[in-house]
C-alpha atoms as a PDB file:
ATOM      1  CA  MET A   1     -24.250  13.494 -17.760  1.00  0.00           C
ATOM      2  CA  ALA A   2     -27.705  13.637 -19.340  1.00  0.00           C
ATOM      3  CA  ARG A   3     -28.173  17.153 -17.910  1.00  0.00           C
ATOM      4  CA  LYS A   4     -24.796  18.276 -19.165  1.00  0.00           C
ATOM      5  CA  GLY A   5     -25.602  16.852 -22.573  1.00  0.00           C
ATOM      6  CA  ARG A   6     -28.771  18.941 -22.736  1.00  0.00           C
ATOM      7  CA  GLU A   7     -26.855  22.042 -21.601  1.00  0.00           C
ATOM      8  CA  GLU A   8     -24.392  21.420 -24.435  1.00  0.00           C
ATOM      9  CA  GLY A   9     -27.246  21.251 -26.955  1.00  0.00           C
ATOM     10  CA  ARG A  10     -27.074  17.475 -27.453  1.00  0.00           C
ATOM     11  CA  ASN A  11     -30.061  15.200 -27.936  1.00  0.00           C
ATOM     12  CA  SER A  12     -28.725  12.660 -25.433  1.00  0.00           C
ATOM     13  CA  SER A  13     -26.003  12.069 -22.907  1.00  0.00           C
ATOM     14  CA  ARG A  14     -22.404  11.679 -24.060  1.00  0.00           C
ATOM     15  CA  LEU A  15     -22.416   8.358 -22.179  1.00  0.00           C
ATOM     16  CA  PRO A  16     -24.746   5.392 -22.699  1.00  0.00           C
ATOM     17  CA  GLU A  17     -27.523   5.198 -20.112  1.00  0.00           C
ATOM     18  CA  PHE A  18     -28.736   2.146 -18.200  1.00  0.00           C
ATOM     19  CA  THR A  19     -32.344   1.118 -18.650  1.00  0.00           C
ATOM     20  CA  PRO A  20     -34.472   0.580 -15.515  1.00  0.00           C
ATOM     21  CA  GLU A  21     -34.322  -3.165 -16.188  1.00  0.00           C
ATOM     22  CA  GLN A  22     -30.514  -3.110 -16.383  1.00  0.00           C
ATOM     23  CA  LYS A  23     -30.305  -1.137 -13.141  1.00  0.00           C
ATOM     24  CA  ALA A  24     -32.526  -3.658 -11.372  1.00  0.00           C
ATOM     25  CA  TYR A  25     -30.541  -6.572 -12.785  1.00  0.00           C
ATOM     26  CA  ILE A  26     -27.177  -5.422 -11.418  1.00  0.00           C
ATOM     27  CA  ASN A  27     -28.426  -3.836  -8.193  1.00  0.00           C
ATOM     28  CA  ARG A  28     -26.517  -5.225  -5.153  1.00  0.00           C
ATOM     29  CA  THR A  29     -24.862  -7.994  -7.171  1.00  0.00           C
ATOM     30  CA  SER A  30     -21.281  -7.223  -6.114  1.00  0.00           C
ATOM     31  CA  ASP A  31     -19.528  -9.569  -3.696  1.00  0.00           C
ATOM     32  CA  PHE A  32     -17.360  -6.874  -2.094  1.00  0.00           C
ATOM     33  CA  PHE A  33     -16.132  -3.287  -2.471  1.00  0.00           C
ATOM     34  CA  ALA A  34     -12.510  -2.878  -3.614  1.00  0.00           C
ATOM     35  CA  LEU A  35     -10.995   0.488  -2.670  1.00  0.00           C
ATOM     36  CA  ASN A  36      -7.859   2.280  -3.835  1.00  0.00           C
ATOM     37  CA  TYR A  37      -7.179   5.283  -1.582  1.00  0.00           C
ATOM     38  CA  TYR A  38      -4.351   7.767  -1.910  1.00  0.00           C
ATOM     39  CA  THR A  39      -5.568  11.248  -1.020  1.00  0.00           C
ATOM     40  CA  THR A  40      -8.454  13.576  -0.222  1.00  0.00           C
ATOM     41  CA  VAL A  41      -9.437  16.873  -1.839  1.00  0.00           C
ATOM     42  CA  GLU A  42     -11.563  19.811  -0.735  1.00  0.00           C
ATOM     43  CA  VAL A  43     -14.312  20.659  -3.216  1.00  0.00           C
ATOM     44  CA  ALA A  44     -16.740  23.508  -3.810  1.00  0.00           C
ATOM     45  CA  ASP A  45     -19.647  23.742  -6.232  1.00  0.00           C
ATOM     46  CA  SER A  46     -18.501  25.604  -9.339  1.00  0.00           C
ATOM     47  CA  GLY A  47     -21.937  25.702 -10.925  1.00  0.00           C
ATOM     48  CA  HIS A  48     -22.832  24.054 -14.198  1.00  0.00           C
ATOM     49  CA  VAL A  49     -19.721  24.354 -16.347  1.00  0.00           C
ATOM     50  CA  VAL A  50     -20.373  24.250 -20.086  1.00  0.00           C
ATOM     51  CA  THR A  51     -17.330  24.313 -22.366  1.00  0.00           C
ATOM     52  CA  GLU A  52     -16.683  23.861 -26.064  1.00  0.00           C
ATOM     53  CA  ASN A  53     -14.394  20.941 -25.257  1.00  0.00           C
ATOM     54  CA  PRO A  54     -15.977  19.018 -22.360  1.00  0.00           C
ATOM     55  CA  ASN A  55     -13.666  16.696 -20.479  1.00  0.00           C
ATOM     56  CA  TYR A  56     -13.262  14.677 -17.298  1.00  0.00           C
ATOM     57  CA  PHE A  57     -12.467  17.753 -15.205  1.00  0.00           C
ATOM     58  CA  SER A  58     -15.151  20.069 -16.543  1.00  0.00           C
ATOM     59  CA  ASP A  59     -17.758  17.334 -16.073  1.00  0.00           C
ATOM     60  CA  MET A  60     -17.177  17.406 -12.301  1.00  0.00           C
ATOM     61  CA  ASP A  61     -18.722  20.866 -11.808  1.00  0.00           C
ATOM     62  CA  VAL A  62     -16.499  21.394  -8.772  1.00  0.00           C
ATOM     63  CA  GLU A  63     -13.488  23.453  -7.785  1.00  0.00           C
ATOM     64  CA  LYS A  64     -10.824  21.359  -6.074  1.00  0.00           C
ATOM     65  CA  GLY A  65      -8.228  22.348  -3.502  1.00  0.00           C
ATOM     66  CA  HIS A  66      -6.340  21.260  -0.409  1.00  0.00           C
ATOM     67  CA  ALA A  67      -5.593  22.551   3.072  1.00  0.00           C
ATOM     68  CA  ALA A  68      -2.299  24.389   3.499  1.00  0.00           C
ATOM     69  CA  ASP A  69      -1.089  22.033   6.238  1.00  0.00           C
ATOM     70  CA  TRP A  70      -1.582  18.796   4.280  1.00  0.00           C
ATOM     71  CA  PRO A  71       1.831  17.221   3.507  1.00  0.00           C
ATOM     72  CA  GLN A  72       2.483  17.062  -0.231  1.00  0.00           C
ATOM     73  CA  THR A  73       4.250  14.158  -1.931  1.00  0.00           C
ATOM     74  CA  PRO A  74       6.293  14.080  -5.174  1.00  0.00           C
ATOM     75  CA  PHE A  75       2.964  13.779  -6.999  1.00  0.00           C
ATOM     76  CA  THR A  76       1.550  17.312  -7.104  1.00  0.00           C
ATOM     77  CA  TRP A  77      -1.999  15.967  -6.701  1.00  0.00           C
ATOM     78  CA  LEU A  78      -1.227  13.560  -3.868  1.00  0.00           C
ATOM     79  CA  TYR A  79      -1.392  14.956  -0.341  1.00  0.00           C
ATOM     80  CA  THR A  80      -1.107  12.732   2.719  1.00  0.00           C
ATOM     81  CA  VAL A  81      -4.548  12.895   4.380  1.00  0.00           C
ATOM     82  CA  PRO A  82      -4.997   9.797   6.584  1.00  0.00           C
ATOM     83  CA  TRP A  83      -8.319  10.836   8.150  1.00  0.00           C
ATOM     84  CA  GLY A  84      -9.820  10.848   4.663  1.00  0.00           C
ATOM     85  CA  ILE A  85      -9.714   7.070   4.396  1.00  0.00           C
ATOM     86  CA  ARG A  86     -11.806   6.673   7.546  1.00  0.00           C
ATOM     87  CA  LYS A  87     -14.437   9.124   6.283  1.00  0.00           C
ATOM     88  CA  LEU A  88     -14.508   7.358   2.909  1.00  0.00           C
ATOM     89  CA  LEU A  89     -14.925   3.951   4.528  1.00  0.00           C
ATOM     90  CA  GLY A  90     -17.876   5.284   6.528  1.00  0.00           C
ATOM     91  CA  PHE A  91     -19.418   6.664   3.344  1.00  0.00           C
ATOM     92  CA  ILE A  92     -19.029   3.288   1.620  1.00  0.00           C
ATOM     93  CA  ARG A  93     -20.700   1.560   4.583  1.00  0.00           C
ATOM     94  CA  ASP A  94     -23.712   3.893   4.468  1.00  0.00           C
ATOM     95  CA  GLU A  95     -24.014   4.382   0.702  1.00  0.00           C
ATOM     96  CA  TYR A  96     -23.499   0.798  -0.492  1.00  0.00           C
ATOM     97  CA  GLY A  97     -25.288  -1.277   2.099  1.00  0.00           C
ATOM     98  CA  ASP A  98     -22.428  -2.083   4.490  1.00  0.00           C
ATOM     99  CA  PRO A  99     -20.373  -4.316   2.151  1.00  0.00           C
ATOM    100  CA  ASP A 100     -17.143  -6.170   2.861  1.00  0.00           C
ATOM    101  CA  VAL A 101     -14.333  -3.768   1.913  1.00  0.00           C
ATOM    102  CA  TYR A 102     -10.924  -4.769   0.593  1.00  0.00           C
ATOM    103  CA  ILE A 103      -8.414  -1.909   0.512  1.00  0.00           C
ATOM    104  CA  THR A 104      -6.536  -2.906  -2.619  1.00  0.00           C
ATOM    105  CA  GLU A 105      -4.105   0.036  -2.810  1.00  0.00           C
ATOM    106  CA  ASN A 106      -2.711   2.613  -0.394  1.00  0.00           C
ATOM    107  CA  GLY A 107       0.731   4.162  -0.488  1.00  0.00           C
ATOM    108  CA  ARG A 108       2.986   7.160  -0.845  1.00  0.00           C
ATOM    109  CA  PRO A 109       5.625   7.928  -3.507  1.00  0.00           C
ATOM    110  CA  ASP A 110       9.237   9.047  -3.100  1.00  0.00           C
ATOM    111  CA  HIS A 111      11.343  10.946  -5.602  1.00  0.00           C
ATOM    112  CA  ASP A 112      13.826   8.890  -7.598  1.00  0.00           C
ATOM    113  CA  ARG A 113      17.070  10.212  -6.095  1.00  0.00           C
ATOM    114  CA  ASP A 114      20.740   9.382  -6.001  1.00  0.00           C
ATOM    115  CA  PRO A 115      21.620   8.157  -3.455  1.00  0.00           C
ATOM    116  CA  ALA A 116      18.481   6.097  -3.155  1.00  0.00           C
ATOM    117  CA  ILE A 117      15.996   6.772  -0.365  1.00  0.00           C
ATOM    118  CA  LEU A 118      16.131   3.589   1.702  1.00  0.00           C
ATOM    119  CA  MET A 119      15.396   5.130   5.109  1.00  0.00           C
ATOM    120  CA  ASP A 120      11.898   6.091   3.944  1.00  0.00           C
ATOM    121  CA  MET A 121      10.429   7.318   7.198  1.00  0.00           C
ATOM    122  CA  ASP A 122       7.824   9.423   5.402  1.00  0.00           C
ATOM    123  CA  ARG A 123       6.359   6.185   4.002  1.00  0.00           C
ATOM    124  CA  ILE A 124       6.431   4.568   7.450  1.00  0.00           C
ATOM    125  CA  CYS A 125       4.574   7.576   8.859  1.00  0.00           C
ATOM    126  CA  SER A 126       2.017   7.376   6.064  1.00  0.00           C
ATOM    127  CA  TYR A 127       1.305   3.676   6.599  1.00  0.00           C
ATOM    128  CA  MET A 128       1.263   4.163  10.361  1.00  0.00           C
ATOM    129  CA  MET A 129      -1.368   6.892  10.198  1.00  0.00           C
ATOM    130  CA  HIS A 130      -3.486   5.353   7.438  1.00  0.00           C
ATOM    131  CA  THR A 131      -3.706   1.933   9.098  1.00  0.00           C
ATOM    132  CA  ASN A 132      -4.569   3.650  12.381  1.00  0.00           C
ATOM    133  CA  GLU A 133      -7.509   5.360  10.663  1.00  0.00           C
ATOM    134  CA  VAL A 134      -8.564   2.074   9.050  1.00  0.00           C
ATOM    135  CA  MET A 135      -8.662   0.395  12.456  1.00  0.00           C
ATOM    136  CA  LYS A 136     -10.750   3.270  13.809  1.00  0.00           C
ATOM    137  CA  ALA A 137     -13.163   2.613  10.957  1.00  0.00           C
ATOM    138  CA  CYS A 138     -13.247  -1.091  11.871  1.00  0.00           C
ATOM    139  CA  ASN A 139     -13.412  -0.905  15.649  1.00  0.00           C
ATOM    140  CA  LEU A 140     -15.280   2.370  16.202  1.00  0.00           C
ATOM    141  CA  ASP A 141     -17.359   2.775  13.042  1.00  0.00           C
ATOM    142  CA  ASN A 142     -18.101  -0.922  12.394  1.00  0.00           C
ATOM    143  CA  VAL A 143     -16.915  -0.861   8.796  1.00  0.00           C
ATOM    144  CA  LYS A 144     -16.258  -4.384   7.523  1.00  0.00           C
ATOM    145  CA  VAL A 145     -12.708  -3.999   6.236  1.00  0.00           C
ATOM    146  CA  LYS A 146     -11.333  -7.419   5.332  1.00  0.00           C
ATOM    147  CA  ALA A 147      -7.850  -6.567   4.045  1.00  0.00           C
ATOM    148  CA  PHE A 148      -5.325  -3.767   3.598  1.00  0.00           C
ATOM    149  CA  THR A 149      -2.857  -3.885   0.695  1.00  0.00           C
ATOM    150  CA  ALA A 150       0.240  -1.683   0.498  1.00  0.00           C
ATOM    151  CA  TRP A 151       1.067  -0.133  -2.853  1.00  0.00           C
ATOM    152  CA  SER A 152       3.494  -1.387  -3.573  1.00  0.00           C
ATOM    153  CA  LEU A 153       5.716  -4.333  -2.735  1.00  0.00           C
ATOM    154  CA  MET A 154       8.502  -2.981  -4.961  1.00  0.00           C
ATOM    155  CA  ASP A 155       9.186   0.045  -7.148  1.00  0.00           C
ATOM    156  CA  GLY A 156       7.606  -0.125 -10.581  1.00  0.00           C
ATOM    157  CA  TYR A 157       6.562   1.815 -13.651  1.00  0.00           C
ATOM    158  CA  GLU A 158       4.090   4.469 -12.505  1.00  0.00           C
ATOM    159  CA  TRP A 159       1.975   5.549 -15.460  1.00  0.00           C
ATOM    160  CA  LEU A 160       3.004   8.944 -16.947  1.00  0.00           C
ATOM    161  CA  PRO A 161       5.766   9.594 -14.349  1.00  0.00           C
ATOM    162  CA  GLY A 162       7.363   6.290 -15.344  1.00  0.00           C
ATOM    163  CA  TYR A 163      10.372   5.482 -13.149  1.00  0.00           C
ATOM    164  CA  THR A 164      10.722   9.009 -11.714  1.00  0.00           C
ATOM    165  CA  VAL A 165       8.738   8.164  -8.560  1.00  0.00           C
ATOM    166  CA  ARG A 166       8.910   5.119  -6.317  1.00  0.00           C
ATOM    167  CA  PHE A 167       6.127   3.555  -4.252  1.00  0.00           C
ATOM    168  CA  GLY A 168       7.810   0.300  -3.239  1.00  0.00           C
ATOM    169  CA  LEU A 169       8.618  -1.211   0.117  1.00  0.00           C
ATOM    170  CA  TYR A 170      11.632  -2.541  -1.797  1.00  0.00           C
ATOM    171  CA  TYR A 171      13.955  -0.384  -3.895  1.00  0.00           C
ATOM    172  CA  VAL A 172      14.566  -1.696  -7.417  1.00  0.00           C
ATOM    173  CA  ASP A 173      17.783  -0.780  -9.243  1.00  0.00           C
ATOM    174  CA  PHE A 174      16.430  -0.248 -12.755  1.00  0.00           C
ATOM    175  CA  ASN A 175      19.953   0.333 -14.090  1.00  0.00           C
ATOM    176  CA  ASP A 176      20.960  -3.183 -13.094  1.00  0.00           C
ATOM    177  CA  PRO A 177      20.062  -5.843 -15.703  1.00  0.00           C
ATOM    178  CA  ASP A 178      19.131  -8.117 -12.790  1.00  0.00           C
ATOM    179  CA  ARG A 179      16.823  -5.434 -11.320  1.00  0.00           C
ATOM    180  CA  THR A 180      18.399  -5.977  -7.901  1.00  0.00           C
ATOM    181  CA  ARG A 181      16.033  -5.256  -5.019  1.00  0.00           C
ATOM    182  CA  TYR A 182      16.944  -3.684  -1.666  1.00  0.00           C
ATOM    183  CA  PRO A 183      14.644  -3.504   1.381  1.00  0.00           C
ATOM    184  CA  LYS A 184      13.634  -0.039   2.500  1.00  0.00           C
ATOM    185  CA  ALA A 185      12.967   0.803   6.143  1.00  0.00           C
ATOM    186  CA  SER A 186       9.236   0.675   5.388  1.00  0.00           C
ATOM    187  CA  SER A 187       9.511  -3.024   4.497  1.00  0.00           C
ATOM    188  CA  VAL A 188      10.657  -3.809   8.036  1.00  0.00           C
ATOM    189  CA  PHE A 189       7.869  -1.674   9.501  1.00  0.00           C
ATOM    190  CA  PHE A 190       5.218  -3.300   7.317  1.00  0.00           C
ATOM    191  CA  LYS A 191       6.462  -6.769   8.186  1.00  0.00           C
ATOM    192  CA  GLN A 192       5.971  -5.964  11.865  1.00  0.00           C
ATOM    193  CA  LEU A 193       2.555  -4.441  11.150  1.00  0.00           C
ATOM    194  CA  VAL A 194       1.394  -7.606   9.388  1.00  0.00           C
ATOM    195  CA  THR A 195       2.943  -9.889  12.008  1.00  0.00           C
ATOM    196  CA  ASN A 196       1.095  -8.022  14.765  1.00  0.00           C
ATOM    197  CA  ASN A 197      -2.029  -7.555  12.629  1.00  0.00           C
ATOM    198  CA  GLY A 198      -2.209  -4.011  13.892  1.00  0.00           C
ATOM    199  CA  TYR A 199      -1.057  -2.328  17.091  1.00  0.00           C
ATOM    200  CA  PRO A 200      -1.803  -4.654  20.036  1.00  0.00           C
ATOM    201  CA  GLU A 201      -1.853  -2.885  23.372  1.00  0.00           C
ATOM    202  CA  GLY A 202       1.395  -3.219  25.311  1.00  0.00           C
ATOM    203  CA  SER A 203       3.474  -4.754  22.505  1.00  0.00           C
ATOM    204  CA  GLU A 204       6.973  -3.502  21.748  1.00  0.00           C
ATOM    205  CA  PHE A 205       5.832  -2.666  18.229  1.00  0.00           C
ATOM    206  CA  THR A 206       3.004  -0.496  19.546  1.00  0.00           C
ATOM    207  CA  LYS A 207       5.407   1.267  21.911  1.00  0.00           C
ATOM    208  CA  TYR A 208       7.626   2.066  18.935  1.00  0.00           C
ATOM    209  CA  VAL A 209       4.676   3.463  17.020  1.00  0.00           C
ATOM    210  CA  GLU A 210       3.646   5.604  19.984  1.00  0.00           C
ATOM    211  CA  ASN A 211       7.185   6.996  20.193  1.00  0.00           C
ATOM    212  CA  MET A 212       7.131   7.707  16.469  1.00  0.00           C
ATOM    213  CA  TRP A 213       3.835   9.574  16.578  1.00  0.00           C
ATOM    214  CA  TYR A 214       5.331  12.974  17.441  1.00  0.00           C
ATOM    215  CA  PHE A 215       8.127  12.457  14.931  1.00  0.00           C
ATOM    216  CA  CYS A 216       5.648  11.752  12.132  1.00  0.00           C
ATOM    217  CA  HIS A 217       3.576  14.839  12.885  1.00  0.00           C
ATOM    218  CA  ASN A 218       6.435  17.290  13.431  1.00  0.00           C
ATOM    219  CA  THR A 219       9.202  16.393  10.954  1.00  0.00           C
ATOM    220  CA  THR A 220       9.596  17.754   7.442  1.00  0.00           C
ATOM    221  CA  GLU A 221      10.494  15.601   4.432  1.00  0.00           C
ATOM    222  CA  ALA A 222      13.872  17.363   4.277  1.00  0.00           C
ATOM    223  CA  GLU A 223      14.615  16.330   7.850  1.00  0.00           C
ATOM    224  CA  VAL A 224      13.355  12.822   7.175  1.00  0.00           C
ATOM    225  CA  ASN A 225      15.751  12.370   4.271  1.00  0.00           C
ATOM    226  CA  GLY A 226      18.745  13.958   5.950  1.00  0.00           C
ATOM    227  CA  TYR A 227      18.913  17.385   4.323  1.00  0.00           C
ATOM    228  CA  THR A 228      18.911  19.253   7.642  1.00  0.00           C
ATOM    229  CA  GLY A 229      20.640  16.725   9.829  1.00  0.00           C
ATOM    230  CA  GLY A 230      17.699  14.454  10.499  1.00  0.00           C
ATOM    231  CA  ALA A 231      19.330  11.288   9.161  1.00  0.00           C
ATOM    232  CA  SER A 232      21.304  10.479  12.312  1.00  0.00           C
ATOM    233  CA  GLN A 233      18.197  10.884  14.465  1.00  0.00           C
ATOM    234  CA  ILE A 234      16.215   8.616  12.152  1.00  0.00           C
ATOM    235  CA  SER A 235      18.939   5.998  12.124  1.00  0.00           C
ATOM    236  CA  SER A 236      19.000   5.853  15.915  1.00  0.00           C
ATOM    237  CA  LEU A 237      15.213   5.564  16.059  1.00  0.00           C
ATOM    238  CA  PHE A 238      15.192   2.874  13.437  1.00  0.00           C
ATOM    239  CA  SER A 239      17.997   0.910  15.079  1.00  0.00           C
ATOM    240  CA  LEU A 240      15.690   0.503  18.072  1.00  0.00           C
ATOM    241  CA  PHE A 241      12.949  -0.698  15.766  1.00  0.00           C
ATOM    242  CA  LEU A 242      15.187  -3.280  14.095  1.00  0.00           C
ATOM    243  CA  ALA A 243      15.780  -4.862  17.489  1.00  0.00           C
ATOM    244  CA  ILE A 244      12.072  -5.563  18.048  1.00  0.00           C
ATOM    245  CA  PRO A 245      11.401  -9.318  18.234  1.00  0.00           C
ATOM    246  CA  MET A 246       8.621 -10.883  16.196  1.00  0.00           C
ATOM    247  CA  MET A 247       5.312 -10.700  18.055  1.00  0.00           C
ATOM    248  CA  ILE A 248       2.301 -13.020  18.139  1.00  0.00           C
ATOM    249  CA  ALA A 249      -0.434 -11.680  15.859  1.00  0.00           C
ATOM    250  CA  TYR A 250      -3.341  -9.983  17.605  1.00  0.00           C
ATOM    251  CA  PRO A 251      -6.448  -9.685  15.432  1.00  0.00           C
ATOM    252  CA  LEU A 252      -7.558  -6.080  15.165  1.00  0.00           C
ATOM    253  CA  ILE A 253      -8.917  -6.326  11.629  1.00  0.00           C
ATOM    254  CA  ALA A 254     -11.596  -8.995  11.445  1.00  0.00           C
END
């Protein structure tokens, strides 16, 4: 920011700068690293961009994009890129001195539709693939992930989009004065994920996930939500999942 300030003809940075003493005082004083992860972007150096009206985006000095095969969500900026969370966790390990990491948000939005999307298999696929990458980071890359938090437990007010998108494991009827809540399919999946603390080898839950793997990688959102006849297939798959008994937790995330 100091460089950009000079390029803009300013005497100092547009942001206050830390003194060497302040930097030393706060260095390595955090107790843990809290991470919100939703997506990944491809970037390229755009050179030093100087504009008359500098802003958050021009300050980046990068051009952003995405791969054509990344699944897009109702948020135009949010693509489902599960491998990105593993790479980011490895970067945090190396860049910040191998801290304890708490994943405080991860999720995927749905459109607000009528009828409501309760068989939200796209969200199940997203959580399935993201938690798989997190466990790779833990067990293969030795990242110290201590917790994973789904965003979110129930639908809520999502910043500028307001109530037009839904992240919840539970559907909230915002037209009902009582704000009645209804469990989505993802709530059942996530309950099993937490109960098993991952995907223990040989469990019925893990077998279900293995069977779902092809479905998650080869099914469009339209098929997932029934627009091309996929609803009956999903219902039959999910009926098998609903019959899974509760399993004894197997610790995969330390």
